[in-house]
PDB file of N, CA and C in Angstrom:
ATOM      1  N   MET A   1      16.849   3.902 -28.993  1.00  0.00           N
ATOM      2  CA  MET A   1      16.452   3.286 -27.715  1.00  0.00           C
ATOM      3  C   MET A   1      17.439   2.403 -26.804  1.00  0.00           C
ATOM      4  N   ASN A   2      17.921   3.330 -25.909  1.00  0.00           N
ATOM      5  CA  ASN A   2      18.503   2.069 -25.126  1.00  0.00           C
ATOM      6  C   ASN A   2      18.681   0.708 -24.305  1.00  0.00           C
ATOM      7  N   PRO A   3      19.209  -0.288 -24.502  1.00  0.00           N
ATOM      8  CA  PRO A   3      17.629  -1.179 -24.223  1.00  0.00           C
ATOM      9  C   PRO A   3      18.112  -1.631 -22.865  1.00  0.00           C
ATOM     10  N   GLN A   4      19.481  -0.801 -22.377  1.00  0.00           N
ATOM     11  CA  GLN A   4      19.581  -1.467 -20.606  1.00  0.00           C
ATOM     12  C   GLN A   4      19.046  -0.599 -19.613  1.00  0.00           C
ATOM     13  N   ASN A   5      18.029   0.387 -20.663  1.00  0.00           N
ATOM     14  CA  ASN A   5      17.277   1.640 -19.509  1.00  0.00           C
ATOM     15  C   ASN A   5      16.241   2.163 -20.565  1.00  0.00           C
ATOM     16  N   PRO A   6      15.364   1.603 -21.024  1.00  0.00           N
ATOM     17  CA  PRO A   6      14.755   2.274 -21.941  1.00  0.00           C
ATOM     18  C   PRO A   6      13.172   2.848 -21.497  1.00  0.00           C
ATOM     19  N   PHE A   7      13.617   3.057 -20.319  1.00  0.00           N
ATOM     20  CA  PHE A   7      12.355   4.191 -20.306  1.00  0.00           C
ATOM     21  C   PHE A   7      13.043   5.642 -18.741  1.00  0.00           C
ATOM     22  N   LEU A   8      12.483   6.485 -19.123  1.00  0.00           N
ATOM     23  CA  LEU A   8      13.213   7.877 -18.617  1.00  0.00           C
ATOM     24  C   LEU A   8      12.793   8.362 -17.707  1.00  0.00           C
ATOM     25  N   ALA A   9      11.152   8.398 -17.578  1.00  0.00           N
ATOM     26  CA  ALA A   9      10.536   9.051 -15.918  1.00  0.00           C
ATOM     27  C   ALA A   9       9.352   8.398 -16.080  1.00  0.00           C
ATOM     28  N   ILE A  10       8.431   8.625 -14.832  1.00  0.00           N
ATOM     29  CA  ILE A  10       7.734   8.310 -14.733  1.00  0.00           C
ATOM     30  C   ILE A  10       6.450   9.977 -15.696  1.00  0.00           C
ATOM     31  N   ASP A  11       5.409   9.154 -16.285  1.00  0.00           N
ATOM     32  CA  ASP A  11       4.932  10.621 -17.012  1.00  0.00           C
ATOM     33  C   ASP A  11       3.594  10.754 -16.110  1.00  0.00           C
ATOM     34  N   HIS A  12       3.238   9.861 -15.188  1.00  0.00           N
ATOM     35  CA  HIS A  12       2.421  10.348 -14.170  1.00  0.00           C
ATOM     36  C   HIS A  12       2.144   8.828 -14.210  1.00  0.00           C
ATOM     37  N   VAL A  13       0.912   9.291 -12.131  1.00  0.00           N
ATOM     38  CA  VAL A  13       0.524   7.949 -11.358  1.00  0.00           C
ATOM     39  C   VAL A  13      -1.011   8.789 -11.411  1.00  0.00           C
ATOM     40  N   GLN A  14      -1.194   7.229 -11.292  1.00  0.00           N
ATOM     41  CA  GLN A  14      -3.025   7.189 -11.792  1.00  0.00           C
ATOM     42  C   GLN A  14      -3.152   6.481 -10.062  1.00  0.00           C
ATOM     43  N   LEU A  15      -4.334   7.290  -9.442  1.00  0.00           N
ATOM     44  CA  LEU A  15      -4.982   7.488  -8.077  1.00  0.00           C
ATOM     45  C   LEU A  15      -6.014   7.278  -8.259  1.00  0.00           C
ATOM     46  N   ALA A  16      -7.489   5.960  -7.686  1.00  0.00           N
ATOM     47  CA  ALA A  16      -8.630   6.335  -7.659  1.00  0.00           C
ATOM     48  C   ALA A  16      -9.177   7.568  -6.190  1.00  0.00           C
ATOM     49  N   MET A  17     -10.548   7.843  -7.001  1.00  0.00           N
ATOM     50  CA  MET A  17     -11.145   8.196  -5.332  1.00  0.00           C
ATOM     51  C   MET A  17     -11.907   8.282  -5.805  1.00  0.00           C
ATOM     52  N   PRO A  18     -13.423   8.428  -4.443  1.00  0.00           N
ATOM     53  CA  PRO A  18     -14.736   8.479  -5.050  1.00  0.00           C
ATOM     54  C   PRO A  18     -15.202   9.173  -6.205  1.00  0.00           C
ATOM     55  N   VAL A  19     -16.601   9.015  -6.674  1.00  0.00           N
ATOM     56  CA  VAL A  19     -17.397   9.098  -7.645  1.00  0.00           C
ATOM     57  C   VAL A  19     -17.549  10.878  -6.865  1.00  0.00           C
ATOM     58  N   GLY A  20     -17.724  11.874  -7.902  1.00  0.00           N
ATOM     59  CA  GLY A  20     -18.146  13.381  -7.332  1.00  0.00           C
ATOM     60  C   GLY A  20     -17.285  13.296  -6.701  1.00  0.00           C
ATOM     61  N   ALA A  21     -15.344  13.711  -6.031  1.00  0.00           N
ATOM     62  CA  ALA A  21     -15.324  14.212  -5.178  1.00  0.00           C
ATOM     63  C   ALA A  21     -14.281  14.777  -5.547  1.00  0.00           C
ATOM     64  N   GLU A  22     -14.524  15.604  -6.272  1.00  0.00           N
ATOM     65  CA  GLU A  22     -13.355  16.640  -6.849  1.00  0.00           C
ATOM     66  C   GLU A  22     -13.121  17.498  -6.377  1.00  0.00           C
ATOM     67  N   ARG A  23     -13.972  18.196  -5.209  1.00  0.00           N
ATOM     68  CA  ARG A  23     -13.705  18.903  -4.928  1.00  0.00           C
ATOM     69  C   ARG A  23     -13.417  18.963  -3.768  1.00  0.00           C
ATOM     70  N   THR A  24     -13.175  18.091  -3.027  1.00  0.00           N
ATOM     71  CA  THR A  24     -12.370  17.395  -2.288  1.00  0.00           C
ATOM     72  C   THR A  24     -10.952  17.131  -2.942  1.00  0.00           C
ATOM     73  N   ALA A  25     -10.712  16.451  -3.809  1.00  0.00           N
ATOM     74  CA  ALA A  25      -9.433  16.291  -3.996  1.00  0.00           C
ATOM     75  C   ALA A  25      -8.380  17.447  -4.509  1.00  0.00           C
ATOM     76  N   ARG A  26      -9.544  18.613  -5.509  1.00  0.00           N
ATOM     77  CA  ARG A  26      -8.639  19.769  -5.170  1.00  0.00           C
ATOM     78  C   ARG A  26      -8.128  20.593  -4.322  1.00  0.00           C
ATOM     79  N   ARG A  27      -9.158  20.394  -2.951  1.00  0.00           N
ATOM     80  CA  ARG A  27      -8.851  20.900  -1.795  1.00  0.00           C
ATOM     81  C   ARG A  27      -7.729  20.306  -1.139  1.00  0.00           C
ATOM     82  N   PHE A  28      -7.097  19.425  -1.649  1.00  0.00           N
ATOM     83  CA  PHE A  28      -6.160  18.490  -0.861  1.00  0.00           C
ATOM     84  C   PHE A  28      -4.604  18.436  -1.499  1.00  0.00           C
ATOM     85  N   TYR A  29      -5.123  18.345  -2.522  1.00  0.00           N
ATOM     86  CA  TYR A  29      -3.135  18.513  -4.090  1.00  0.00           C
ATOM     87  C   TYR A  29      -3.822  19.829  -4.078  1.00  0.00           C
ATOM     88  N   CYS A  30      -4.662  20.636  -4.355  1.00  0.00           N
ATOM     89  CA  CYS A  30      -3.633  22.227  -4.548  1.00  0.00           C
ATOM     90  C   CYS A  30      -3.639  23.075  -3.796  1.00  0.00           C
ATOM     91  N   ASP A  31      -4.418  23.154  -2.599  1.00  0.00           N
ATOM     92  CA  ASP A  31      -4.667  24.020  -1.857  1.00  0.00           C
ATOM     93  C   ASP A  31      -3.313  23.584  -0.627  1.00  0.00           C
ATOM     94  N   VAL A  32      -3.343  22.232   0.070  1.00  0.00           N
ATOM     95  CA  VAL A  32      -2.449  21.717   0.595  1.00  0.00           C
ATOM     96  C   VAL A  32      -1.277  21.103   0.381  1.00  0.00           C
ATOM     97  N   LEU A  33      -1.053  20.559  -0.516  1.00  0.00           N
ATOM     98  CA  LEU A  33       0.258  20.175  -1.422  1.00  0.00           C
ATOM     99  C   LEU A  33       0.570  21.080  -2.031  1.00  0.00           C
ATOM    100  N   GLY A  34       0.043  21.990  -2.566  1.00  0.00           N
ATOM    101  CA  GLY A  34       0.783  22.955  -3.695  1.00  0.00           C
ATOM    102  C   GLY A  34       0.492  22.369  -5.323  1.00  0.00           C
ATOM    103  N   MET A  35       0.013  21.557  -5.718  1.00  0.00           N
ATOM    104  CA  MET A  35       0.013  21.351  -6.964  1.00  0.00           C
ATOM    105  C   MET A  35      -0.943  22.035  -7.830  1.00  0.00           C
ATOM    106  N   GLN A  36      -0.575  22.186  -9.016  1.00  0.00           N
ATOM    107  CA  GLN A  36      -1.586  23.036 -10.154  1.00  0.00           C
ATOM    108  C   GLN A  36      -2.693  21.681 -10.841  1.00  0.00           C
ATOM    109  N   GLU A  37      -3.510  21.995 -10.635  1.00  0.00           N
ATOM    110  CA  GLU A  37      -4.453  21.461 -11.677  1.00  0.00           C
ATOM    111  C   GLU A  37      -4.412  22.066 -13.094  1.00  0.00           C
ATOM    112  N   ILE A  38      -4.423  20.911 -13.878  1.00  0.00           N
ATOM    113  CA  ILE A  38      -4.320  20.891 -14.942  1.00  0.00           C
ATOM    114  C   ILE A  38      -5.709  20.381 -15.721  1.00  0.00           C
ATOM    115  N   PRO A  39      -6.136  20.304 -17.147  1.00  0.00           N
ATOM    116  CA  PRO A  39      -6.779  19.816 -17.770  1.00  0.00           C
ATOM    117  C   PRO A  39      -7.248  19.034 -18.356  1.00  0.00           C
ATOM    118  N   LYS A  40      -8.112  18.305 -17.976  1.00  0.00           N
ATOM    119  CA  LYS A  40      -8.560  16.867 -18.875  1.00  0.00           C
ATOM    120  C   LYS A  40      -8.887  16.805 -20.459  1.00  0.00           C
ATOM    121  N   ARG A  41      -7.851  15.862 -20.752  1.00  0.00           N
ATOM    122  CA  ARG A  41      -8.561  15.774 -22.367  1.00  0.00           C
ATOM    123  C   ARG A  41     -10.221  16.220 -22.258  1.00  0.00           C
ATOM    124  N   ALA A  42     -10.663  16.737 -23.508  1.00  0.00           N
ATOM    125  CA  ALA A  42     -12.233  16.646 -23.300  1.00  0.00           C
ATOM    126  C   ALA A  42     -12.789  14.986 -23.208  1.00  0.00           C
ATOM    127  N   ASP A  43     -12.425  14.391 -24.264  1.00  0.00           N
ATOM    128  CA  ASP A  43     -12.814  13.175 -24.501  1.00  0.00           C
ATOM    129  C   ASP A  43     -12.916  12.396 -22.833  1.00  0.00           C
ATOM    130  N   MET A  44     -12.048  12.893 -21.377  1.00  0.00           N
ATOM    131  CA  MET A  44     -11.861  12.646 -20.748  1.00  0.00           C
ATOM    132  C   MET A  44     -12.462  13.202 -19.595  1.00  0.00           C
ATOM    133  N   LEU A  45     -13.452  14.251 -19.976  1.00  0.00           N
ATOM    134  CA  LEU A  45     -14.361  14.714 -18.917  1.00  0.00           C
ATOM    135  C   LEU A  45     -15.588  14.514 -18.031  1.00  0.00           C
ATOM    136  N   LYS A  46     -16.258  13.232 -19.016  1.00  0.00           N
ATOM    137  CA  LYS A  46     -17.433  12.885 -18.809  1.00  0.00           C
ATOM    138  C   LYS A  46     -17.316  11.409 -17.566  1.00  0.00           C
ATOM    139  N   LYS A  47     -15.696  11.036 -17.754  1.00  0.00           N
ATOM    140  CA  LYS A  47     -15.779  10.136 -16.922  1.00  0.00           C
ATOM    141  C   LYS A  47     -15.038  10.669 -14.982  1.00  0.00           C
ATOM    142  N   GLY A  48     -15.357  12.680 -14.799  1.00  0.00           N
ATOM    143  CA  GLY A  48     -15.402  12.873 -14.073  1.00  0.00           C
ATOM    144  C   GLY A  48     -13.370  12.611 -13.495  1.00  0.00           C
ATOM    145  N   GLY A  49     -13.367  13.434 -12.513  1.00  0.00           N
ATOM    146  CA  GLY A  49     -12.208  13.583 -11.842  1.00  0.00           C
ATOM    147  C   GLY A  49     -11.255  14.936 -11.892  1.00  0.00           C
ATOM    148  N   VAL A  50      -9.708  14.623 -11.649  1.00  0.00           N
ATOM    149  CA  VAL A  50      -8.984  15.418 -11.688  1.00  0.00           C
ATOM    150  C   VAL A  50      -7.552  15.497 -12.068  1.00  0.00           C
ATOM    151  N   TRP A  51      -7.138  15.893 -12.357  1.00  0.00           N
ATOM    152  CA  TRP A  51      -5.475  15.721 -12.901  1.00  0.00           C
ATOM    153  C   TRP A  51      -4.515  17.365 -12.604  1.00  0.00           C
ATOM    154  N   PHE A  52      -3.707  16.865 -11.714  1.00  0.00           N
ATOM    155  CA  PHE A  52      -2.360  17.716 -10.549  1.00  0.00           C
ATOM    156  C   PHE A  52      -1.244  17.469 -12.109  1.00  0.00           C
ATOM    157  N   GLN A  53      -0.759  18.697 -11.751  1.00  0.00           N
ATOM    158  CA  GLN A  53       1.160  18.839 -12.066  1.00  0.00           C
ATOM    159  C   GLN A  53       1.713  19.190 -10.901  1.00  0.00           C
ATOM    160  N   SER A  54       2.948  19.152 -10.469  1.00  0.00           N
ATOM    161  CA  SER A  54       4.095  20.231  -9.925  1.00  0.00           C
ATOM    162  C   SER A  54       5.295  19.836 -10.790  1.00  0.00           C
ATOM    163  N   GLY A  55       5.904  20.971 -11.616  1.00  0.00           N
ATOM    164  CA  GLY A  55       6.519  20.129 -12.164  1.00  0.00           C
ATOM    165  C   GLY A  55       6.130  19.627 -13.801  1.00  0.00           C
ATOM    166  N   ASP A  56       7.113  18.597 -13.755  1.00  0.00           N
ATOM    167  CA  ASP A  56       7.218  17.058 -14.627  1.00  0.00           C
ATOM    168  C   ASP A  56       5.948  15.667 -14.101  1.00  0.00           C
ATOM    169  N   LEU A  57       5.654  16.346 -12.521  1.00  0.00           N
ATOM    170  CA  LEU A  57       5.432  15.342 -11.775  1.00  0.00           C
ATOM    171  C   LEU A  57       3.632  15.261 -12.141  1.00  0.00           C
ATOM    172  N   GLN A  58       3.318  14.468 -12.736  1.00  0.00           N
ATOM    173  CA  GLN A  58       1.587  14.454 -12.713  1.00  0.00           C
ATOM    174  C   GLN A  58       0.735  13.128 -12.020  1.00  0.00           C
ATOM    175  N   ILE A  59      -0.371  13.613 -11.701  1.00  0.00           N
ATOM    176  CA  ILE A  59      -1.302  12.826 -10.269  1.00  0.00           C
ATOM    177  C   ILE A  59      -2.530  12.967 -10.740  1.00  0.00           C
ATOM    178  N   HIS A  60      -3.140  11.556 -11.807  1.00  0.00           N
ATOM    179  CA  HIS A  60      -4.461  12.159 -12.325  1.00  0.00           C
ATOM    180  C   HIS A  60      -5.351  10.764 -11.140  1.00  0.00           C
ATOM    181  N   LEU A  61      -6.244  11.787 -10.848  1.00  0.00           N
ATOM    182  CA  LEU A  61      -7.058  10.914 -10.217  1.00  0.00           C
ATOM    183  C   LEU A  61      -8.505  10.501 -10.774  1.00  0.00           C
ATOM    184  N   GLY A  62      -8.630   9.379 -10.904  1.00  0.00           N
ATOM    185  CA  GLY A  62     -10.122   8.826 -11.489  1.00  0.00           C
ATOM    186  C   GLY A  62     -11.184   8.126 -10.990  1.00  0.00           C
ATOM    187  N   CYS A  63     -12.301   8.702 -11.162  1.00  0.00           N
ATOM    188  CA  CYS A  63     -13.588   7.817 -10.523  1.00  0.00           C
ATOM    189  C   CYS A  63     -13.784   6.818 -10.128  1.00  0.00           C
ATOM    190  N   GLU A  64     -13.865   5.420  -8.936  1.00  0.00           N
ATOM    191  CA  GLU A  64     -14.704   4.482  -9.380  1.00  0.00           C
ATOM    192  C   GLU A  64     -15.937   4.864  -8.418  1.00  0.00           C
ATOM    193  N   THR A  65     -16.600   4.074  -8.851  1.00  0.00           N
ATOM    194  CA  THR A  65     -17.980   3.933  -8.252  1.00  0.00           C
ATOM    195  C   THR A  65     -17.776   2.016  -6.820  1.00  0.00           C
ATOM    196  N   ASP A  66     -16.689   1.272  -7.564  1.00  0.00           N
ATOM    197  CA  ASP A  66     -16.415   0.682  -6.159  1.00  0.00           C
ATOM    198  C   ASP A  66     -15.173   1.107  -5.691  1.00  0.00           C
ATOM    199  N   PHE A  67     -15.192   2.650  -5.582  1.00  0.00           N
ATOM    200  CA  PHE A  67     -13.754   2.718  -4.652  1.00  0.00           C
ATOM    201  C   PHE A  67     -13.518   2.188  -3.528  1.00  0.00           C
ATOM    202  N   HIS A  68     -12.514   1.672  -3.893  1.00  0.00           N
ATOM    203  CA  HIS A  68     -11.094   1.236  -2.929  1.00  0.00           C
ATOM    204  C   HIS A  68      -9.905   2.219  -2.319  1.00  0.00           C
ATOM    205  N   ALA A  69      -9.515   2.131  -1.329  1.00  0.00           N
ATOM    206  CA  ALA A  69      -8.558   3.247  -1.271  1.00  0.00           C
ATOM    207  C   ALA A  69      -6.998   2.630  -1.482  1.00  0.00           C
ATOM    208  N   ALA A  70      -6.406   2.824  -2.426  1.00  0.00           N
ATOM    209  CA  ALA A  70      -4.731   2.001  -2.606  1.00  0.00           C
ATOM    210  C   ALA A  70      -3.609   2.297  -0.805  1.00  0.00           C
ATOM    211  N   ALA A  71      -3.785   1.455  -0.346  1.00  0.00           N
ATOM    212  CA  ALA A  71      -3.551   1.430   1.339  1.00  0.00           C
ATOM    213  C   ALA A  71      -1.707   1.455   1.332  1.00  0.00           C
ATOM    214  N   LYS A  72      -1.388   0.037   0.187  1.00  0.00           N
ATOM    215  CA  LYS A  72      -0.069  -0.115   0.803  1.00  0.00           C
ATOM    216  C   LYS A  72       0.692   0.246  -0.795  1.00  0.00           C
ATOM    217  N   THR A  73      -0.342   0.236  -2.027  1.00  0.00           N
ATOM    218  CA  THR A  73       0.386   0.574  -3.242  1.00  0.00           C
ATOM    219  C   THR A  73       0.557   2.044  -3.503  1.00  0.00           C
ATOM    220  N   HIS A  74       1.125   2.646  -3.701  1.00  0.00           N
ATOM    221  CA  HIS A  74       1.847   4.841  -3.603  1.00  0.00           C
ATOM    222  C   HIS A  74       3.064   4.884  -3.805  1.00  0.00           C
ATOM    223  N   PRO A  75       2.922   6.639  -4.820  1.00  0.00           N
ATOM    224  CA  PRO A  75       3.557   6.641  -5.222  1.00  0.00           C
ATOM    225  C   PRO A  75       4.698   7.549  -4.474  1.00  0.00           C
ATOM    226  N   GLY A  76       5.627   7.673  -4.472  1.00  0.00           N
ATOM    227  CA  GLY A  76       7.111   8.256  -3.462  1.00  0.00           C
ATOM    228  C   GLY A  76       6.830   9.452  -4.459  1.00  0.00           C
ATOM    229  N   LEU A  77       7.292  10.880  -3.784  1.00  0.00           N
ATOM    230  CA  LEU A  77       7.061  12.058  -4.079  1.00  0.00           C
ATOM    231  C   LEU A  77       8.226  12.875  -3.801  1.00  0.00           C
ATOM    232  N   ARG A  78       9.568  13.602  -4.030  1.00  0.00           N
ATOM    233  CA  ARG A  78      10.589  13.821  -3.684  1.00  0.00           C
ATOM    234  C   ARG A  78      10.297  15.097  -3.860  1.00  0.00           C
ATOM    235  N   CYS A  79      10.872  15.630  -2.600  1.00  0.00           N
ATOM    236  CA  CYS A  79       9.780  17.235  -1.675  1.00  0.00           C
ATOM    237  C   CYS A  79      11.229  17.848  -2.132  1.00  0.00           C
ATOM    238  N   SER A  80      10.613  19.337  -2.701  1.00  0.00           N
ATOM    239  CA  SER A  80      11.885  19.897  -2.463  1.00  0.00           C
ATOM    240  C   SER A  80      11.983  20.843  -1.177  1.00  0.00           C
ATOM    241  N   ASP A  81      10.919  21.218  -0.477  1.00  0.00           N
ATOM    242  CA  ASP A  81      11.228  21.722   1.352  1.00  0.00           C
ATOM    243  C   ASP A  81      10.241  20.694   1.931  1.00  0.00           C
ATOM    244  N   TYR A  82      10.517  19.819   1.838  1.00  0.00           N
ATOM    245  CA  TYR A  82      10.561  18.462   2.924  1.00  0.00           C
ATOM    246  C   TYR A  82       9.511  19.014   4.436  1.00  0.00           C
ATOM    247  N   ASP A  83      10.062  20.188   4.621  1.00  0.00           N
ATOM    248  CA  ASP A  83       9.836  20.283   6.435  1.00  0.00           C
ATOM    249  C   ASP A  83       8.625  21.185   6.295  1.00  0.00           C
ATOM    250  N   ALA A  84       8.904  22.091   5.162  1.00  0.00           N
ATOM    251  CA  ALA A  84       7.036  23.529   4.910  1.00  0.00           C
ATOM    252  C   ALA A  84       6.191  22.558   5.043  1.00  0.00           C
ATOM    253  N   LEU A  85       6.253  21.138   3.459  1.00  0.00           N
ATOM    254  CA  LEU A  85       5.557  20.463   2.975  1.00  0.00           C
ATOM    255  C   LEU A  85       4.587  19.653   4.619  1.00  0.00           C
ATOM    256  N   VAL A  86       5.282  19.397   5.148  1.00  0.00           N
ATOM    257  CA  VAL A  86       5.226  18.182   6.526  1.00  0.00           C
ATOM    258  C   VAL A  86       3.927  18.986   7.301  1.00  0.00           C
ATOM    259  N   ALA A  87       4.645  20.326   7.546  1.00  0.00           N
ATOM    260  CA  ALA A  87       4.062  21.443   8.554  1.00  0.00           C
ATOM    261  C   ALA A  87       2.541  21.619   8.175  1.00  0.00           C
ATOM    262  N   ARG A  88       2.699  21.898   6.862  1.00  0.00           N
ATOM    263  CA  ARG A  88       1.773  22.780   6.112  1.00  0.00           C
ATOM    264  C   ARG A  88       0.154  21.414   6.088  1.00  0.00           C
ATOM    265  N   LEU A  89       0.806  20.554   6.494  1.00  0.00           N
ATOM    266  CA  LEU A  89       0.099  18.934   6.230  1.00  0.00           C
ATOM    267  C   LEU A  89      -0.425  18.359   7.509  1.00  0.00           C
ATOM    268  N   THR A  90       0.198  18.834   9.065  1.00  0.00           N
ATOM    269  CA  THR A  90      -0.139  19.321   9.619  1.00  0.00           C
ATOM    270  C   THR A  90      -1.010  20.132  10.053  1.00  0.00           C
ATOM    271  N   GLU A  91      -0.565  21.217   9.248  1.00  0.00           N
ATOM    272  CA  GLU A  91      -1.621  22.502   9.957  1.00  0.00           C
ATOM    273  C   GLU A  91      -2.626  22.098   9.744  1.00  0.00           C
ATOM    274  N   ASN A  92      -2.705  21.230   8.598  1.00  0.00           N
ATOM    275  CA  ASN A  92      -4.203  21.375   7.504  1.00  0.00           C
ATOM    276  C   ASN A  92      -4.889  20.135   8.580  1.00  0.00           C
ATOM    277  N   GLY A  93      -4.213  18.989   8.977  1.00  0.00           N
ATOM    278  CA  GLY A  93      -4.891  17.941   9.564  1.00  0.00           C
ATOM    279  C   GLY A  93      -5.160  16.610   9.082  1.00  0.00           C
ATOM    280  N   PHE A  94      -3.860  16.747   8.599  1.00  0.00           N
ATOM    281  CA  PHE A  94      -3.190  15.241   8.151  1.00  0.00           C
ATOM    282  C   PHE A  94      -1.770  14.942   9.324  1.00  0.00           C
ATOM    283  N   ASP A  95      -2.057  13.419   8.964  1.00  0.00           N
ATOM    284  CA  ASP A  95      -0.871  13.052  10.817  1.00  0.00           C
ATOM    285  C   ASP A  95       0.329  12.236   9.643  1.00  0.00           C
ATOM    286  N   PRO A  96       0.718  13.057   9.073  1.00  0.00           N
ATOM    287  CA  PRO A  96       2.836  12.415   8.296  1.00  0.00           C
ATOM    288  C   PRO A  96       3.365  11.343   9.302  1.00  0.00           C
ATOM    289  N   VAL A  97       3.867  10.014   9.247  1.00  0.00           N
ATOM    290  CA  VAL A  97       4.299   9.151   9.922  1.00  0.00           C
ATOM    291  C   VAL A  97       5.462   9.083   9.513  1.00  0.00           C
ATOM    292  N   ASP A  98       6.632   9.632   9.942  1.00  0.00           N
ATOM    293  CA  ASP A  98       8.028   9.392   9.579  1.00  0.00           C
ATOM    294  C   ASP A  98       8.485   7.821   9.644  1.00  0.00           C
ATOM    295  N   ASP A  99       9.904   7.512   8.661  1.00  0.00           N
ATOM    296  CA  ASP A  99       9.905   6.351   8.093  1.00  0.00           C
ATOM    297  C   ASP A  99      10.496   6.025   8.473  1.00  0.00           C
ATOM    298  N   ASN A 100      11.641   5.276   9.316  1.00  0.00           N
ATOM    299  CA  ASN A 100      13.334   5.311   9.190  1.00  0.00           C
ATOM    300  C   ASN A 100      13.693   4.264   8.577  1.00  0.00           C
ATOM    301  N   ARG A 101      13.340   3.586   7.934  1.00  0.00           N
ATOM    302  CA  ARG A 101      12.866   2.033   7.771  1.00  0.00           C
ATOM    303  C   ARG A 101      14.508   2.012   6.822  1.00  0.00           C
ATOM    304  N   ILE A 102      14.456   3.014   5.540  1.00  0.00           N
ATOM    305  CA  ILE A 102      15.048   3.041   4.417  1.00  0.00           C
ATOM    306  C   ILE A 102      16.115   4.084   5.292  1.00  0.00           C
ATOM    307  N   PRO A 103      17.559   3.693   4.829  1.00  0.00           N
ATOM    308  CA  PRO A 103      18.725   4.886   4.599  1.00  0.00           C
ATOM    309  C   PRO A 103      18.476   6.027   4.059  1.00  0.00           C
ATOM    310  N   GLY A 104      18.475   7.384   4.363  1.00  0.00           N
ATOM    311  CA  GLY A 104      19.301   8.355   3.487  1.00  0.00           C
ATOM    312  C   GLY A 104      17.984   9.725   3.505  1.00  0.00           C
ATOM    313  N   PRO A 105      17.983   9.958   2.590  1.00  0.00           N
ATOM    314  CA  PRO A 105      16.891  11.012   2.748  1.00  0.00           C
ATOM    315  C   PRO A 105      15.534  10.711   3.836  1.00  0.00           C
ATOM    316  N   ARG A 106      15.256  11.753   4.486  1.00  0.00           N
ATOM    317  CA  ARG A 106      14.332  11.998   5.315  1.00  0.00           C
ATOM    318  C   ARG A 106      12.670  11.352   4.654  1.00  0.00           C
ATOM    319  N   ARG A 107      11.786  10.359   5.527  1.00  0.00           N
ATOM    320  CA  ARG A 107      10.572  10.303   4.546  1.00  0.00           C
ATOM    321  C   ARG A 107       9.431  10.209   5.419  1.00  0.00           C
ATOM    322  N   CYS A 108       8.319   9.745   5.176  1.00  0.00           N
ATOM    323  CA  CYS A 108       7.010   9.885   5.916  1.00  0.00           C
ATOM    324  C   CYS A 108       6.557   9.426   4.661  1.00  0.00           C
ATOM    325  N   HIS A 109       4.776   8.604   5.301  1.00  0.00           N
ATOM    326  CA  HIS A 109       3.377   8.923   4.328  1.00  0.00           C
ATOM    327  C   HIS A 109       2.375   9.592   5.535  1.00  0.00           C
ATOM    328  N   ILE A 110       1.656   9.911   3.924  1.00  0.00           N
ATOM    329  CA  ILE A 110       0.737   9.962   4.253  1.00  0.00           C
ATOM    330  C   ILE A 110      -0.759   9.645   3.076  1.00  0.00           C
ATOM    331  N   HIS A 111      -1.850   9.723   4.008  1.00  0.00           N
ATOM    332  CA  HIS A 111      -2.484   9.441   2.984  1.00  0.00           C
ATOM    333  C   HIS A 111      -4.044  10.453   2.511  1.00  0.00           C
ATOM    334  N   ASP A 112      -3.904  10.329   1.665  1.00  0.00           N
ATOM    335  CA  ASP A 112      -4.966  12.169   0.784  1.00  0.00           C
ATOM    336  C   ASP A 112      -6.497  11.414   1.252  1.00  0.00           C
ATOM    337  N   PRO A 113      -6.998  12.452   1.282  1.00  0.00           N
ATOM    338  CA  PRO A 113      -8.665  12.392   2.341  1.00  0.00           C
ATOM    339  C   PRO A 113      -9.445  11.211   2.071  1.00  0.00           C
ATOM    340  N   PHE A 114      -8.458  10.341   0.486  1.00  0.00           N
ATOM    341  CA  PHE A 114      -9.856   9.279   0.289  1.00  0.00           C
ATOM    342  C   PHE A 114      -9.342   7.717   0.958  1.00  0.00           C
ATOM    343  N   GLY A 115      -7.993   7.937   1.823  1.00  0.00           N
ATOM    344  CA  GLY A 115      -7.590   6.806   2.519  1.00  0.00           C
ATOM    345  C   GLY A 115      -6.294   6.636   1.351  1.00  0.00           C
ATOM    346  N   ASN A 116      -5.817   7.163   0.029  1.00  0.00           N
ATOM    347  CA  ASN A 116      -4.939   6.758  -0.214  1.00  0.00           C
ATOM    348  C   ASN A 116      -3.076   6.714  -0.175  1.00  0.00           C
ATOM    349  N   ARG A 117      -2.549   5.896  -0.036  1.00  0.00           N
ATOM    350  CA  ARG A 117      -1.243   5.962   0.711  1.00  0.00           C
ATOM    351  C   ARG A 117      -0.824   6.981  -0.320  1.00  0.00           C
ATOM    352  N   ILE A 118       0.626   7.973   0.379  1.00  0.00           N
ATOM    353  CA  ILE A 118       1.653   8.693  -0.741  1.00  0.00           C
ATOM    354  C   ILE A 118       2.735   8.636   0.310  1.00  0.00           C
ATOM    355  N   GLU A 119       3.699   8.752  -0.661  1.00  0.00           N
ATOM    356  CA  GLU A 119       5.307   8.661   0.460  1.00  0.00           C
ATOM    357  C   GLU A 119       5.667   9.737   0.170  1.00  0.00           C
ATOM    358  N   LEU A 120       6.310  10.798   0.514  1.00  0.00           N
ATOM    359  CA  LEU A 120       7.032  11.747   1.006  1.00  0.00           C
ATOM    360  C   LEU A 120       8.697  11.357   1.044  1.00  0.00           C
ATOM    361  N   ILE A 121       9.152  12.069   0.582  1.00  0.00           N
ATOM    362  CA  ILE A 121      10.942  12.076   0.370  1.00  0.00           C
ATOM    363  C   ILE A 121      11.736  13.340   0.594  1.00  0.00           C
ATOM    364  N   ALA A 122      12.497  13.496   1.410  1.00  0.00           N
ATOM    365  CA  ALA A 122      12.832  14.964   1.072  1.00  0.00           C
ATOM    366  C   ALA A 122      13.719  15.016  -0.180  1.00  0.00           C
ATOM    367  N   GLU A 123      14.636  16.159  -0.068  1.00  0.00           N
ATOM    368  CA  GLU A 123      15.704  16.152  -1.011  1.00  0.00           C
ATOM    369  C   GLU A 123      16.893  15.817  -1.190  1.00  0.00           C
ATOM    370  N   LYS A 124      17.151  15.404  -2.136  1.00  0.00           N
ATOM    371  CA  LYS A 124      18.720  14.718  -1.178  1.00  0.00           C
ATOM    372  C   LYS A 124      20.175  15.745  -0.942  1.00  0.00           C
TER     373      LYS A 124
END
C-alpha cells in the first residue's frame, strides 16, 4: 500500500430511488445513458434496486422507502462521447444544464428520473 495514495479508483457509486422503480431506472440508465445492467448478488435481490456498469464504472441504485433525491451530492462521470450523450439526453426529454464555472473540459448537470443530480464531463 502506498501511504501517499491509498486508493486506486472508485469501485461504485450508490444512488437512491423509490421502492419499485426498477423499470424506470432501467429505461434511463440502460436505454438513455447506454449502461449495462449487471446482476446483483443473490442476497441483495430481496432489497430491490438495480445495478449498472459502463467499463469499470458502476452505479448502484438502492431503494429507500422514505426516498429523497440527491440534489447536490452527485457522481461526476467522464464521457467518451459527450456530445452524443448530451444529444441523446435532450432527445429523451432530459435537460442538460451546462456548467462553465470550472476551467477545463466541458461539463453539464442532469437529473435522473428520480431527481438525483449527475455531472457529465467531456473526455479531455
